Structure formats: C-alpha cells, structure tokens
Protein backbone atom coordinates (compact mmCIF):
# COMPACT_ATOMS: atom_id res chain seq x y z
CA UNK A 1 -20.86 -8.91 -9.36
CA UNK A 2 -18.01 -11.24 -10.37
CA UNK A 3 -18.77 -10.52 -14.03
CA UNK A 4 -18.54 -6.94 -13.30
CA UNK A 5 -15.12 -7.30 -11.43
CA UNK A 6 -13.96 -9.59 -13.86
CA UNK A 7 -14.62 -7.24 -16.75
CA UNK A 8 -12.82 -4.19 -15.17
CA UNK A 9 -9.45 -5.78 -16.28
CA UNK A 10 -10.64 -5.69 -19.80
CA UNK A 11 -11.48 -1.59 -19.39
CA UNK A 12 -8.29 0.29 -20.35
CA UNK A 13 -9.77 3.16 -17.97
CA UNK A 14 -9.32 0.99 -14.91
CA UNK A 15 -5.62 0.09 -15.91
CA UNK A 16 -5.34 3.98 -16.24
CA UNK A 17 -6.88 4.61 -13.02
CA UNK A 18 -4.26 2.05 -11.55
CA UNK A 19 -1.27 4.28 -13.41
CA UNK A 20 -2.66 7.34 -12.09
CA UNK A 21 -3.08 6.54 -8.77
CA UNK A 22 0.76 5.15 -8.62
CA UNK A 23 1.70 8.66 -10.39
CA UNK A 24 0.14 10.71 -7.59
CA UNK A 25 1.80 8.59 -4.78
CA UNK A 26 5.22 9.14 -6.94
CA UNK A 27 4.33 12.93 -7.23
CA UNK A 28 3.70 13.06 -3.13
CA UNK A 29 6.74 11.36 -2.35
CA UNK A 30 8.80 13.91 -4.63
CA UNK A 31 6.86 16.63 -3.02
CA UNK A 32 7.83 15.38 0.52
CA UNK A 33 11.36 15.04 -0.41
CA UNK A 34 11.99 18.22 -2.50
CA UNK A 35 9.56 20.59 -0.96
CA UNK A 36 8.83 19.75 2.71
CA UNK A 37 12.42 18.50 2.89
CA UNK A 38 11.86 15.07 4.36
CA UNK A 39 14.73 12.78 3.15
CA UNK A 40 13.93 9.16 2.03
CA UNK A 41 15.82 6.34 3.60
CA UNK A 42 16.66 3.26 1.66
CA UNK A 43 13.65 1.36 2.61
CA UNK A 44 11.33 4.81 1.53
CA UNK A 45 13.25 4.16 -1.98
CA UNK A 46 12.61 0.46 -2.10
CA UNK A 47 8.85 1.47 -1.39
CA UNK A 48 9.26 4.22 -4.03
CA UNK A 49 10.71 1.43 -6.75
CA UNK A 50 7.66 -0.86 -5.71
CA UNK A 51 5.17 1.89 -6.42
CA UNK A 52 7.20 2.77 -10.05
CA UNK A 53 6.61 -1.19 -10.35
CA UNK A 54 2.86 -0.80 -10.07
CA UNK A 55 2.79 1.93 -12.22
CA UNK A 56 4.83 0.75 -15.12
CA UNK A 57 2.81 -2.61 -14.98
CA UNK A 58 -0.48 -0.89 -15.72
CA UNK A 59 1.07 0.87 -18.72
CA UNK A 60 0.92 -1.90 -21.57
CA UNK A 61 -2.70 -2.72 -20.57
CA UNK A 62 -3.47 0.90 -20.30
CA UNK A 63 -2.20 1.33 -23.90
CA UNK A 64 -3.09 -1.89 -25.42
CA UNK A 65 -5.10 -3.98 -23.60
CA UNK A 66 -5.04 -7.50 -24.59
CA UNK A 67 -4.23 -10.92 -22.97
CA UNK A 68 -0.44 -10.37 -23.09
CA UNK A 69 -0.34 -6.82 -21.73
CA UNK A 70 -2.95 -7.80 -19.16
CA UNK A 71 -0.60 -10.78 -18.06
CA UNK A 72 2.51 -8.40 -17.89
CA UNK A 73 0.24 -6.14 -15.65
CA UNK A 74 -0.90 -8.67 -13.41
CA UNK A 75 2.35 -10.20 -12.77
CA UNK A 76 4.22 -6.77 -12.23
CA UNK A 77 1.24 -5.30 -10.21
CA UNK A 78 1.08 -8.31 -7.86
CA UNK A 79 5.08 -8.61 -7.35
CA UNK A 80 5.37 -4.85 -7.03
CA UNK A 81 2.30 -4.60 -4.63
CA UNK A 82 3.34 -7.59 -2.33
CA UNK A 83 7.07 -6.64 -2.35
CA UNK A 84 6.22 -2.89 -1.47
CA UNK A 85 3.91 -4.28 1.45
CA UNK A 86 6.86 -6.56 2.81
CA UNK A 87 9.28 -3.54 2.54
CA UNK A 88 6.89 -1.35 4.49
CA UNK A 89 6.11 -3.89 6.99
CA UNK A 90 10.03 -4.36 7.68
CA UNK A 91 10.47 -0.51 7.68
CA UNK A 92 7.73 -0.29 10.66
CA UNK A 93 9.86 -2.78 12.25
CA UNK A 94 13.05 -0.80 11.99
CA UNK A 95 11.17 2.41 13.35
CA UNK A 96 9.48 0.42 16.37
CA UNK A 97 12.54 -1.64 17.32
CA UNK A 98 12.84 -1.89 21.27
CA UNK A 99 16.55 -1.59 20.49
CA UNK A 100 17.32 0.59 17.51
CA UNK A 101 20.89 -0.23 17.50
CA UNK A 102 20.08 -3.66 16.36
CA UNK A 103 17.47 -2.44 13.66
CA UNK A 104 19.54 -0.77 11.21
CA UNK A 105 19.19 -0.52 7.12
CA UNK A 106 21.95 0.21 4.45
CA UNK A 107 23.17 3.50 3.41
CA UNK A 108 23.34 2.83 -0.50
CA UNK A 109 20.43 0.94 -2.28
CA UNK A 110 21.02 -2.38 -3.26
CA UNK A 111 19.87 -2.02 -7.07
CA UNK A 112 21.29 -4.40 -9.86
CA UNK A 113 24.42 -3.67 -11.05
CA UNK A 114 23.04 -3.24 -14.69
CA UNK A 115 20.43 -0.54 -13.18
CA UNK A 116 22.03 1.41 -10.55
CA UNK A 117 18.84 3.71 -10.27
CA UNK A 118 20.46 5.70 -7.34
CA UNK A 119 23.13 6.84 -9.54
CA UNK A 120 21.17 7.41 -12.63
CA UNK A 121 18.54 9.39 -11.06
CA UNK A 122 19.57 10.43 -7.65
CA UNK A 123 17.13 13.24 -7.01
CA UNK A 124 14.51 10.29 -7.26
CA UNK A 125 16.37 7.02 -6.02
CA UNK A 126 18.94 8.68 -3.72
CA UNK A 127 18.84 7.80 -0.25
CA UNK A 128 19.78 10.57 2.39
CA UNK A 129 17.55 9.88 5.43
CA UNK A 130 17.55 7.51 8.28
CA UNK A 131 15.13 4.28 8.32
CA UNK A 132 14.55 4.86 12.06
CA UNK A 133 13.61 8.48 11.92
CA UNK A 134 9.92 9.30 12.11
CA UNK A 135 9.73 12.96 10.70
CA UNK A 136 6.43 12.99 9.63
CA UNK A 137 2.84 11.54 10.74
CA UNK A 138 -0.75 11.67 9.87
CA UNK A 139 -3.51 10.48 12.21
CA UNK A 140 -0.55 9.14 14.34
CA UNK A 141 0.50 6.86 11.74
CA UNK A 142 3.86 7.11 10.15
CA UNK A 143 4.73 7.19 6.60
CA UNK A 144 5.83 3.46 6.38
CA UNK A 145 2.38 3.07 8.26
CA UNK A 146 0.44 4.43 5.52
CA UNK A 147 2.41 2.69 2.94
CA UNK A 148 1.32 -0.46 4.71
CA UNK A 149 -2.38 0.44 4.30
CA UNK A 150 -1.57 1.68 0.60
CA UNK A 151 0.15 -1.65 -0.70
CA UNK A 152 -2.42 -3.70 1.28
CA UNK A 153 -4.98 -2.22 -0.78
CA UNK A 154 -3.27 -2.61 -4.02
CA UNK A 155 -2.59 -6.20 -3.28
CA UNK A 156 -6.06 -6.96 -2.01
CA UNK A 157 -7.49 -5.28 -5.41
CA UNK A 158 -4.96 -7.02 -7.48
CA UNK A 159 -6.32 -10.40 -5.72
CA UNK A 160 -9.70 -9.57 -6.10
CA UNK A 161 -9.63 -9.02 -9.74
CA UNK A 162 -7.27 -11.70 -10.43
CA UNK A 163 -9.48 -13.96 -8.56
CA UNK A 164 -12.59 -12.89 -10.17
CA UNK A 165 -10.98 -13.46 -13.60
CA UNK A 166 -10.14 -16.93 -12.93
CA UNK A 167 -13.51 -17.70 -11.45
CA UNK A 168 -15.36 -16.43 -13.96
CA UNK A 169 -13.19 -18.48 -16.65
CA UNK A 170 -13.77 -21.29 -14.61
CA UNK A 171 -17.76 -21.02 -14.55
CA UNK A 172 -17.71 -20.66 -18.55
C-alpha cells in the first residue's frame, strides 16, 4: 500500500488529476461569480489564489515529472493547501462571529506590489463582496465551510503522499 501511494507521485497522470481538480474549482468559482452573480469577498479571492497555487504547483510535475519538478510541486501544493485551509477557517470565523462589527475584512486584496493581481485581472481577483455575507449554502454549509473541507482534503492527500514517499525512501 505504501509503495502504491509513493508511486503516485511519479505518475504524471496523478499530477494531472491534481491540476484538473483545481481547474474545476476555479471554473466553478468563476461560474458562481459571473453567472449566478455571487460577488467574491477578499477572503474568497485569497482562497481562489490558494486554489490557483495548487493548480500551478501541479503543472511542472504534470509536464515533466522528475525530482526537481516534484519537489516544486510538493512545496507549492503544501503551502497553498494549508494556507487556503487557514484562510477558509478565518472566513468562517468572520461569518459566524457573535459581534459582526468586530469581525471585518479588508476592501482591497493585499497582493504584493510586484503582482497586483486584482488590478491585472479584476474579473478574477477583484473583490466586490462582503466577507460576512452568506449568499449560498449547500447541505447547510456555506461556501467557506465547503472550502475548509476541500482544502482539508488537499492537505491530507498532500501529507499522505509526502509521508509515503519519505517512509518508502527510509525503508529502502
């Protein structure tokens, strides 16, 4: 079992699946934004950025699978998944705060000055919604609550695959 899990990282199709899963989430987010008119808030945009991080982390190993591209993939995937999970949890805290006047978020994304994504691609990274609004739910869970589930799954799979790689190398 450990060997099979470890070998997933050497399969370009597995990295392709990671890429496609993140791409589908991005397409879904843009559908919600532009078709159903759900306006994303700052926290939504940060979570969207984390999903893009997972998607772009998978690209190198999907295209050319070697030690260096897998290392880049592991680092980007882990950082993006865990960062996205933390942002989603903070977003749920804002939405469920007892006193919503003290639980606020910024109006403009805090991207680095060398990469103002909200200015370059406002239709994707522009925040027009309020973090405290819950305008959508599915099975009594809001969008950020679902994102906690999604990022937790990405983080767990990352940890299992990485741990299996490390344990397999040690047993050899």
